[in-house]
Full PDB file with SEQRES, HELIX, SHEET, SSBOND, CRYST1, ORIGX, SCALE, CONECT and MASTER records, all heavy atoms in Angstrom:
SEQRES   1 A   32  LEU ILE ALA LYS SER LEU ALA GLU SER ASP PRO SER LEU          
SEQRES   2 A   32  VAL GLU SER LEU ILE ARG PRO VAL ARG PHE ALA HIS THR          
SEQRES   3 A   32  LYS SER ALA ASN ILE VAL                                      
HELIX    1 AA1 ALA A    3  ALA A    7  1                                   5    
HELIX    2 AA2 PRO A   11  ILE A   18  1                                   8    
HELIX    3 AA3 ALA A   24  ILE A   31  1                                   8    
CRYST1    1.000    1.000    1.000  90.00  90.00  90.00 P 1           1          
ORIGX1      1.000000  0.000000  0.000000        0.00000                         
ORIGX2      0.000000  1.000000  0.000000        0.00000                         
ORIGX3      0.000000  0.000000  1.000000        0.00000                         
SCALE1      1.000000  0.000000  0.000000        0.00000                         
SCALE2      0.000000  1.000000  0.000000        0.00000                         
SCALE3      0.000000  0.000000  1.000000        0.00000                         
ATOM      1  N   LEU A   1      25.268 -15.208 -62.284  1.00  0.00           N  
ATOM      2  CA  LEU A   1      25.746 -16.452 -62.886  1.00  0.00           C  
ATOM      3  C   LEU A   1      24.661 -17.034 -63.779  1.00  0.00           C  
ATOM      4  O   LEU A   1      23.903 -17.930 -63.403  1.00  0.00           O  
ATOM      5  CB  LEU A   1      26.159 -17.458 -61.806  1.00  0.00           C  
ATOM      6  CG  LEU A   1      26.721 -18.805 -62.328  1.00  0.00           C  
ATOM      7  CD1 LEU A   1      27.822 -18.584 -63.348  1.00  0.00           C  
ATOM      8  CD2 LEU A   1      27.188 -19.657 -61.166  1.00  0.00           C  
ATOM      9  N   ILE A   2      24.573 -16.479 -64.974  1.00  0.00           N  
ATOM     10  CA  ILE A   2      23.712 -17.007 -66.020  1.00  0.00           C  
ATOM     11  C   ILE A   2      24.584 -17.213 -67.254  1.00  0.00           C  
ATOM     12  O   ILE A   2      25.723 -16.740 -67.317  1.00  0.00           O  
ATOM     13  CB  ILE A   2      22.535 -16.069 -66.341  1.00  0.00           C  
ATOM     14  CG1 ILE A   2      23.050 -14.698 -66.796  1.00  0.00           C  
ATOM     15  CG2 ILE A   2      21.612 -15.927 -65.136  1.00  0.00           C  
ATOM     16  CD1 ILE A   2      21.935 -13.766 -67.273  1.00  0.00           C  
ATOM     17  N   ALA A   3      24.052 -17.929 -68.229  1.00  0.00           N  
ATOM     18  CA  ALA A   3      24.864 -18.280 -69.389  1.00  0.00           C  
ATOM     19  C   ALA A   3      25.423 -17.048 -70.102  1.00  0.00           C  
ATOM     20  O   ALA A   3      26.597 -17.009 -70.472  1.00  0.00           O  
ATOM     21  CB  ALA A   3      24.039 -19.131 -70.352  1.00  0.00           C  
ATOM     22  N   LYS A   4      24.597 -16.031 -70.295  1.00  0.00           N  
ATOM     23  CA  LYS A   4      25.041 -14.851 -71.044  1.00  0.00           C  
ATOM     24  C   LYS A   4      26.193 -14.143 -70.348  1.00  0.00           C  
ATOM     25  O   LYS A   4      27.195 -13.787 -70.992  1.00  0.00           O  
ATOM     26  CB  LYS A   4      23.871 -13.883 -71.232  1.00  0.00           C  
ATOM     27  CG  LYS A   4      24.197 -12.652 -72.080  1.00  0.00           C  
ATOM     28  CD  LYS A   4      22.965 -11.796 -72.290  1.00  0.00           C  
ATOM     29  CE  LYS A   4      23.257 -10.611 -73.225  1.00  0.00           C  
ATOM     30  NZ  LYS A   4      24.248  -9.683 -72.650  1.00  0.00           N  
ATOM     31  N   SER A   5      26.085 -13.938 -69.042  1.00  0.00           N  
ATOM     32  CA  SER A   5      27.143 -13.208 -68.343  1.00  0.00           C  
ATOM     33  C   SER A   5      28.437 -14.008 -68.301  1.00  0.00           C  
ATOM     34  O   SER A   5      29.527 -13.443 -68.454  1.00  0.00           O  
ATOM     35  CB  SER A   5      26.694 -12.848 -66.925  1.00  0.00           C  
ATOM     36  OG  SER A   5      26.427 -14.002 -66.160  1.00  0.00           O  
ATOM     37  N   LEU A   6      28.341 -15.314 -68.102  1.00  0.00           N  
ATOM     38  CA  LEU A   6      29.557 -16.118 -68.073  1.00  0.00           C  
ATOM     39  C   LEU A   6      30.185 -16.207 -69.461  1.00  0.00           C  
ATOM     40  O   LEU A   6      31.415 -16.145 -69.600  1.00  0.00           O  
ATOM     41  CB  LEU A   6      29.248 -17.517 -67.538  1.00  0.00           C  
ATOM     42  CG  LEU A   6      30.446 -18.454 -67.356  1.00  0.00           C  
ATOM     43  CD1 LEU A   6      31.495 -17.837 -66.422  1.00  0.00           C  
ATOM     44  CD2 LEU A   6      29.989 -19.805 -66.799  1.00  0.00           C  
ATOM     45  N   ALA A   7      29.352 -16.304 -70.491  1.00  0.00           N  
ATOM     46  CA  ALA A   7      29.871 -16.374 -71.862  1.00  0.00           C  
ATOM     47  C   ALA A   7      30.638 -15.114 -72.239  1.00  0.00           C  
ATOM     48  O   ALA A   7      31.576 -15.157 -73.043  1.00  0.00           O  
ATOM     49  CB  ALA A   7      28.729 -16.614 -72.839  1.00  0.00           C  
ATOM     50  N   GLU A   8      30.248 -13.981 -71.663  1.00  0.00           N  
ATOM     51  CA  GLU A   8      30.891 -12.706 -72.001  1.00  0.00           C  
ATOM     52  C   GLU A   8      32.061 -12.376 -71.085  1.00  0.00           C  
ATOM     53  O   GLU A   8      32.692 -11.328 -71.233  1.00  0.00           O  
ATOM     54  CB  GLU A   8      29.848 -11.585 -71.920  1.00  0.00           C  
ATOM     55  CG  GLU A   8      28.750 -11.717 -72.978  1.00  0.00           C  
ATOM     56  CD  GLU A   8      27.632 -10.705 -72.796  1.00  0.00           C  
ATOM     57  OE1 GLU A   8      27.621 -10.026 -71.734  1.00  0.00           O  
ATOM     58  OE2 GLU A   8      26.781 -10.591 -73.697  1.00  0.00           O  
ATOM     59  N   SER A   9      32.384 -13.276 -70.159  1.00  0.00           N  
ATOM     60  CA  SER A   9      33.446 -13.010 -69.179  1.00  0.00           C  
ATOM     61  C   SER A   9      34.806 -13.450 -69.693  1.00  0.00           C  
ATOM     62  O   SER A   9      34.924 -14.418 -70.455  1.00  0.00           O  
ATOM     63  CB  SER A   9      33.143 -13.743 -67.864  1.00  0.00           C  
ATOM     64  OG  SER A   9      31.940 -13.269 -67.290  1.00  0.00           O  
ATOM     65  N   ASP A  10      35.823 -12.746 -69.264  1.00  0.00           N  
ATOM     66  CA  ASP A  10      37.198 -13.113 -69.583  1.00  0.00           C  
ATOM     67  C   ASP A  10      37.567 -14.360 -68.775  1.00  0.00           C  
ATOM     68  O   ASP A  10      37.389 -14.370 -67.552  1.00  0.00           O  
ATOM     69  CB  ASP A  10      38.138 -11.973 -69.228  1.00  0.00           C  
ATOM     70  CG  ASP A  10      39.555 -12.216 -69.710  1.00  0.00           C  
ATOM     71  OD1 ASP A  10      40.130 -13.263 -69.344  1.00  0.00           O  
ATOM     72  OD2 ASP A  10      40.096 -11.364 -70.433  1.00  0.00           O  
ATOM     73  N   PRO A  11      38.077 -15.396 -69.430  1.00  0.00           N  
ATOM     74  CA  PRO A  11      38.435 -16.613 -68.702  1.00  0.00           C  
ATOM     75  C   PRO A  11      39.414 -16.384 -67.548  1.00  0.00           C  
ATOM     76  O   PRO A  11      39.358 -17.095 -66.541  1.00  0.00           O  
ATOM     77  CB  PRO A  11      39.062 -17.505 -69.780  1.00  0.00           C  
ATOM     78  CG  PRO A  11      38.412 -17.049 -71.050  1.00  0.00           C  
ATOM     79  CD  PRO A  11      38.233 -15.572 -70.882  1.00  0.00           C  
ATOM     80  N   SER A  12      40.284 -15.371 -67.675  1.00  0.00           N  
ATOM     81  CA  SER A  12      41.231 -15.101 -66.589  1.00  0.00           C  
ATOM     82  C   SER A  12      40.505 -14.590 -65.350  1.00  0.00           C  
ATOM     83  O   SER A  12      40.875 -14.912 -64.215  1.00  0.00           O  
ATOM     84  CB  SER A  12      42.298 -14.102 -67.038  1.00  0.00           C  
ATOM     85  OG  SER A  12      41.710 -12.854 -67.386  1.00  0.00           O  
ATOM     86  N   LEU A  13      39.476 -13.775 -65.547  1.00  0.00           N  
ATOM     87  CA  LEU A  13      38.662 -13.320 -64.423  1.00  0.00           C  
ATOM     88  C   LEU A  13      37.921 -14.503 -63.806  1.00  0.00           C  
ATOM     89  O   LEU A  13      37.872 -14.650 -62.583  1.00  0.00           O  
ATOM     90  CB  LEU A  13      37.658 -12.265 -64.889  1.00  0.00           C  
ATOM     91  CG  LEU A  13      36.580 -11.886 -63.869  1.00  0.00           C  
ATOM     92  CD1 LEU A  13      37.202 -11.268 -62.618  1.00  0.00           C  
ATOM     93  CD2 LEU A  13      35.554 -10.941 -64.494  1.00  0.00           C  
ATOM     94  N   VAL A  14      37.356 -15.328 -64.657  1.00  0.00           N  
ATOM     95  CA  VAL A  14      36.628 -16.513 -64.168  1.00  0.00           C  
ATOM     96  C   VAL A  14      37.569 -17.409 -63.371  1.00  0.00           C  
ATOM     97  O   VAL A  14      37.214 -17.921 -62.300  1.00  0.00           O  
ATOM     98  CB  VAL A  14      35.990 -17.274 -65.346  1.00  0.00           C  
ATOM     99  CG1 VAL A  14      35.365 -18.587 -64.865  1.00  0.00           C  
ATOM    100  CG2 VAL A  14      34.947 -16.400 -66.035  1.00  0.00           C  
ATOM    101  N   GLU A  15      38.781 -17.586 -63.881  1.00  0.00           N  
ATOM    102  CA  GLU A  15      39.761 -18.417 -63.172  1.00  0.00           C  
ATOM    103  C   GLU A  15      40.036 -17.861 -61.783  1.00  0.00           C  
ATOM    104  O   GLU A  15      40.124 -18.618 -60.798  1.00  0.00           O  
ATOM    105  CB  GLU A  15      41.060 -18.494 -63.976  1.00  0.00           C  
ATOM    106  CG  GLU A  15      42.120 -19.363 -63.313  1.00  0.00           C  
ATOM    107  CD  GLU A  15      43.387 -19.475 -64.134  1.00  0.00           C  
ATOM    108  OE1 GLU A  15      43.391 -19.054 -65.316  1.00  0.00           O  
ATOM    109  OE2 GLU A  15      44.392 -19.984 -63.587  1.00  0.00           O  
ATOM    110  N   SER A  16      40.173 -16.540 -61.675  1.00  0.00           N  
ATOM    111  CA  SER A  16      40.445 -15.942 -60.365  1.00  0.00           C  
ATOM    112  C   SER A  16      39.274 -16.130 -59.411  1.00  0.00           C  
ATOM    113  O   SER A  16      39.468 -16.248 -58.190  1.00  0.00           O  
ATOM    114  CB  SER A  16      40.755 -14.447 -60.525  1.00  0.00           C  
ATOM    115  OG  SER A  16      39.599 -13.705 -60.888  1.00  0.00           O  
ATOM    116  N   LEU A  17      38.069 -16.187 -59.941  1.00  0.00           N  
ATOM    117  CA  LEU A  17      36.888 -16.344 -59.099  1.00  0.00           C  
ATOM    118  C   LEU A  17      36.700 -17.781 -58.610  1.00  0.00           C  
ATOM    119  O   LEU A  17      36.165 -18.000 -57.519  1.00  0.00           O  
ATOM    120  CB  LEU A  17      35.633 -15.894 -59.856  1.00  0.00           C  
ATOM    121  CG  LEU A  17      35.517 -14.398 -60.143  1.00  0.00           C  
ATOM    122  CD1 LEU A  17      34.320 -14.117 -61.037  1.00  0.00           C  
ATOM    123  CD2 LEU A  17      35.407 -13.605 -58.844  1.00  0.00           C  
ATOM    124  N   ILE A  18      37.118 -18.751 -59.410  1.00  0.00           N  
ATOM    125  CA  ILE A  18      36.866 -20.146 -59.014  1.00  0.00           C  
ATOM    126  C   ILE A  18      37.998 -20.753 -58.201  1.00  0.00           C  
ATOM    127  O   ILE A  18      37.819 -21.808 -57.587  1.00  0.00           O  
ATOM    128  CB  ILE A  18      36.544 -21.036 -60.228  1.00  0.00           C  
ATOM    129  CG1 ILE A  18      37.780 -21.207 -61.128  1.00  0.00           C  
ATOM    130  CG2 ILE A  18      35.356 -20.490 -60.996  1.00  0.00           C  
ATOM    131  CD1 ILE A  18      37.572 -22.221 -62.248  1.00  0.00           C  
ATOM    132  N   ARG A  19      39.177 -20.127 -58.188  1.00  0.00           N  
ATOM    133  CA  ARG A  19      40.242 -20.672 -57.366  1.00  0.00           C  
ATOM    134  C   ARG A  19      39.823 -20.673 -55.901  1.00  0.00           C  
ATOM    135  O   ARG A  19      39.116 -19.760 -55.465  1.00  0.00           O  
ATOM    136  CB  ARG A  19      41.529 -19.840 -57.535  1.00  0.00           C  
ATOM    137  CG  ARG A  19      42.212 -20.082 -58.874  1.00  0.00           C  
ATOM    138  CD  ARG A  19      43.572 -19.419 -58.939  1.00  0.00           C  
ATOM    139  NE  ARG A  19      44.221 -19.653 -60.204  1.00  0.00           N  
ATOM    140  CZ  ARG A  19      44.907 -20.764 -60.498  1.00  0.00           C  
ATOM    141  NH1 ARG A  19      45.030 -21.711 -59.597  1.00  0.00           N  
ATOM    142  NH2 ARG A  19      45.468 -20.906 -61.676  1.00  0.00           N  
ATOM    143  N   PRO A  20      40.174 -21.723 -55.117  1.00  0.00           N  
ATOM    144  CA  PRO A  20      41.166 -22.770 -55.369  1.00  0.00           C  
ATOM    145  C   PRO A  20      40.606 -24.085 -55.908  1.00  0.00           C  
ATOM    146  O   PRO A  20      41.114 -25.180 -55.574  1.00  0.00           O  
ATOM    147  CB  PRO A  20      41.751 -22.988 -53.977  1.00  0.00           C  
ATOM    148  CG  PRO A  20      40.569 -22.810 -53.073  1.00  0.00           C  
ATOM    149  CD  PRO A  20      39.728 -21.724 -53.712  1.00  0.00           C  
ATOM    150  N   VAL A  21      39.560 -24.047 -56.726  1.00  0.00           N  
ATOM    151  CA  VAL A  21      39.093 -25.259 -57.398  1.00  0.00           C  
ATOM    152  C   VAL A  21      40.262 -25.898 -58.136  1.00  0.00           C  
ATOM    153  O   VAL A  21      41.082 -25.197 -58.740  1.00  0.00           O  
ATOM    154  CB  VAL A  21      37.954 -24.900 -58.382  1.00  0.00           C  
ATOM    155  CG1 VAL A  21      37.701 -26.024 -59.370  1.00  0.00           C  
ATOM    156  CG2 VAL A  21      36.682 -24.575 -57.622  1.00  0.00           C  
ATOM    157  N   ARG A  22      40.355 -27.219 -58.062  1.00  0.00           N  
ATOM    158  CA  ARG A  22      41.448 -27.912 -58.762  1.00  0.00           C  
ATOM    159  C   ARG A  22      41.340 -27.710 -60.268  1.00  0.00           C  
ATOM    160  O   ARG A  22      40.262 -27.701 -60.822  1.00  0.00           O  
ATOM    161  CB  ARG A  22      41.410 -29.418 -58.456  1.00  0.00           C  
ATOM    162  CG  ARG A  22      41.689 -29.795 -57.008  1.00  0.00           C  
ATOM    163  CD  ARG A  22      43.124 -29.555 -56.613  1.00  0.00           C  
ATOM    164  NE  ARG A  22      44.067 -30.255 -57.477  1.00  0.00           N  
ATOM    165  CZ  ARG A  22      44.425 -31.542 -57.319  1.00  0.00           C  
ATOM    166  NH1 ARG A  22      43.906 -32.246 -56.312  1.00  0.00           N  
ATOM    167  NH2 ARG A  22      45.285 -32.100 -58.130  1.00  0.00           N  
ATOM    168  N   PHE A  23      42.501 -27.556 -60.914  1.00  0.00           N  
ATOM    169  CA  PHE A  23      42.587 -27.371 -62.363  1.00  0.00           C  
ATOM    170  C   PHE A  23      41.766 -26.148 -62.802  1.00  0.00           C  
ATOM    171  O   PHE A  23      41.031 -26.183 -63.798  1.00  0.00           O  
ATOM    172  CB  PHE A  23      42.127 -28.624 -63.111  1.00  0.00           C  
ATOM    173  CG  PHE A  23      42.786 -29.881 -62.620  1.00  0.00           C  
ATOM    174  CD1 PHE A  23      42.045 -30.855 -61.965  1.00  0.00           C  
ATOM    175  CD2 PHE A  23      44.147 -30.091 -62.786  1.00  0.00           C  
ATOM    176  CE1 PHE A  23      42.644 -32.000 -61.486  1.00  0.00           C  
ATOM    177  CE2 PHE A  23      44.762 -31.242 -62.321  1.00  0.00           C  
ATOM    178  CZ  PHE A  23      44.007 -32.205 -61.665  1.00  0.00           C  
ATOM    179  N   ALA A  24      41.893 -25.066 -62.035  1.00  0.00           N  
ATOM    180  CA  ALA A  24      41.085 -23.876 -62.264  1.00  0.00           C  
ATOM    181  C   ALA A  24      41.293 -23.300 -63.660  1.00  0.00           C  
ATOM    182  O   ALA A  24      40.346 -22.785 -64.274  1.00  0.00           O  
ATOM    183  CB  ALA A  24      41.388 -22.815 -61.206  1.00  0.00           C  
ATOM    184  N   HIS A  25      42.515 -23.349 -64.170  1.00  0.00           N  
ATOM    185  CA  HIS A  25      42.787 -22.765 -65.483  1.00  0.00           C  
ATOM    186  C   HIS A  25      41.990 -23.494 -66.569  1.00  0.00           C  
ATOM    187  O   HIS A  25      41.315 -22.846 -67.402  1.00  0.00           O  
ATOM    188  CB  HIS A  25      44.281 -22.839 -65.793  1.00  0.00           C  
ATOM    189  CG  HIS A  25      44.654 -22.216 -67.107  1.00  0.00           C  
ATOM    190  ND1 HIS A  25      44.661 -20.854 -67.309  1.00  0.00           N  
ATOM    191  CD2 HIS A  25      45.008 -22.779 -68.301  1.00  0.00           C  
ATOM    192  CE1 HIS A  25      45.017 -20.592 -68.556  1.00  0.00           C  
ATOM    193  NE2 HIS A  25      45.222 -21.739 -69.175  1.00  0.00           N  
ATOM    194  N   THR A  26      42.045 -24.790 -66.562  1.00  0.00           N  
ATOM    195  CA  THR A  26      41.321 -25.575 -67.565  1.00  0.00           C  
ATOM    196  C   THR A  26      39.813 -25.455 -67.371  1.00  0.00           C  
ATOM    197  O   THR A  26      39.056 -25.264 -68.337  1.00  0.00           O  
ATOM    198  CB  THR A  26      41.739 -27.050 -67.486  1.00  0.00           C  
ATOM    199  OG1 THR A  26      43.136 -27.160 -67.772  1.00  0.00           O  
ATOM    200  CG2 THR A  26      40.957 -27.902 -68.481  1.00  0.00           C  
ATOM    201  N   LYS A  27      39.372 -25.542 -66.135  1.00  0.00           N  
ATOM    202  CA  LYS A  27      37.932 -25.498 -65.863  1.00  0.00           C  
ATOM    203  C   LYS A  27      37.343 -24.138 -66.201  1.00  0.00           C  
ATOM    204  O   LYS A  27      36.198 -24.056 -66.673  1.00  0.00           O  
ATOM    205  CB  LYS A  27      37.656 -25.866 -64.409  1.00  0.00           C  
ATOM    206  CG  LYS A  27      37.898 -27.341 -64.100  1.00  0.00           C  
ATOM    207  CD  LYS A  27      37.652 -27.653 -62.628  1.00  0.00           C  
ATOM    208  CE  LYS A  27      37.882 -29.115 -62.323  1.00  0.00           C  
ATOM    209  NZ  LYS A  27      37.697 -29.437 -60.879  1.00  0.00           N  
ATOM    210  N   SER A  28      38.083 -23.065 -65.968  1.00  0.00           N  
ATOM    211  CA  SER A  28      37.554 -21.738 -66.300  1.00  0.00           C  
ATOM    212  C   SER A  28      37.319 -21.618 -67.799  1.00  0.00           C  
ATOM    213  O   SER A  28      36.279 -21.097 -68.240  1.00  0.00           O  
ATOM    214  CB  SER A  28      38.514 -20.645 -65.817  1.00  0.00           C  
ATOM    215  OG  SER A  28      39.780 -20.760 -66.434  1.00  0.00           O  
ATOM    216  N   ALA A  29      38.263 -22.099 -68.593  1.00  0.00           N  
ATOM    217  CA  ALA A  29      38.088 -22.056 -70.049  1.00  0.00           C  
ATOM    218  C   ALA A  29      36.901 -22.913 -70.471  1.00  0.00           C  
ATOM    219  O   ALA A  29      36.099 -22.514 -71.335  1.00  0.00           O  
ATOM    220  CB  ALA A  29      39.360 -22.527 -70.748  1.00  0.00           C  
ATOM    221  N   ASN A  30      36.760 -24.091 -69.841  1.00  0.00           N  
ATOM    222  CA  ASN A  30      35.677 -25.001 -70.210  1.00  0.00           C  
ATOM    223  C   ASN A  30      34.302 -24.430 -69.880  1.00  0.00           C  
ATOM    224  O   ASN A  30      33.369 -24.553 -70.682  1.00  0.00           O  
ATOM    225  CB  ASN A  30      35.856 -26.343 -69.505  1.00  0.00           C  
ATOM    226  CG  ASN A  30      36.977 -27.175 -70.102  1.00  0.00           C  
ATOM    227  OD1 ASN A  30      37.480 -26.876 -71.181  1.00  0.00           O  
ATOM    228  ND2 ASN A  30      37.374 -28.219 -69.404  1.00  0.00           N  
ATOM    229  N   ILE A  31      34.166 -23.799 -68.716  1.00  0.00           N  
ATOM    230  CA  ILE A  31      32.833 -23.316 -68.357  1.00  0.00           C  
ATOM    231  C   ILE A  31      32.447 -22.077 -69.172  1.00  0.00           C  
ATOM    232  O   ILE A  31      31.267 -21.870 -69.465  1.00  0.00           O  
ATOM    233  CB  ILE A  31      32.683 -23.060 -66.835  1.00  0.00           C  
ATOM    234  CG1 ILE A  31      33.591 -21.937 -66.351  1.00  0.00           C  
ATOM    235  CG2 ILE A  31      32.900 -24.343 -66.056  1.00  0.00           C  
ATOM    236  CD1 ILE A  31      33.359 -21.563 -64.873  1.00  0.00           C  
ATOM    237  N   VAL A  32      33.434 -21.277 -69.566  1.00  0.00           N  
ATOM    238  CA  VAL A  32      33.131 -20.142 -70.444  1.00  0.00           C  
ATOM    239  C   VAL A  32      32.664 -20.663 -71.799  1.00  0.00           C  
ATOM    240  O   VAL A  32      31.681 -20.161 -72.371  1.00  0.00           O  
ATOM    241  CB  VAL A  32      34.348 -19.213 -70.586  1.00  0.00           C  
ATOM    242  CG1 VAL A  32      34.110 -18.183 -71.700  1.00  0.00           C  
ATOM    243  CG2 VAL A  32      34.635 -18.496 -69.270  1.00  0.00           C  
TER     244      VAL A  32                                                      
MASTER        0    0    0    3    0    0    0    6  243    1    0    3          
END                                                                             
């Protein structure tokens, strides 16, 4: 979990990793 690896990640993968965080779809796009 560093900026480069997260920046290169697919938001859909990130979303699957952060669930069940609330508003996971929006937050995954924002953190990428």
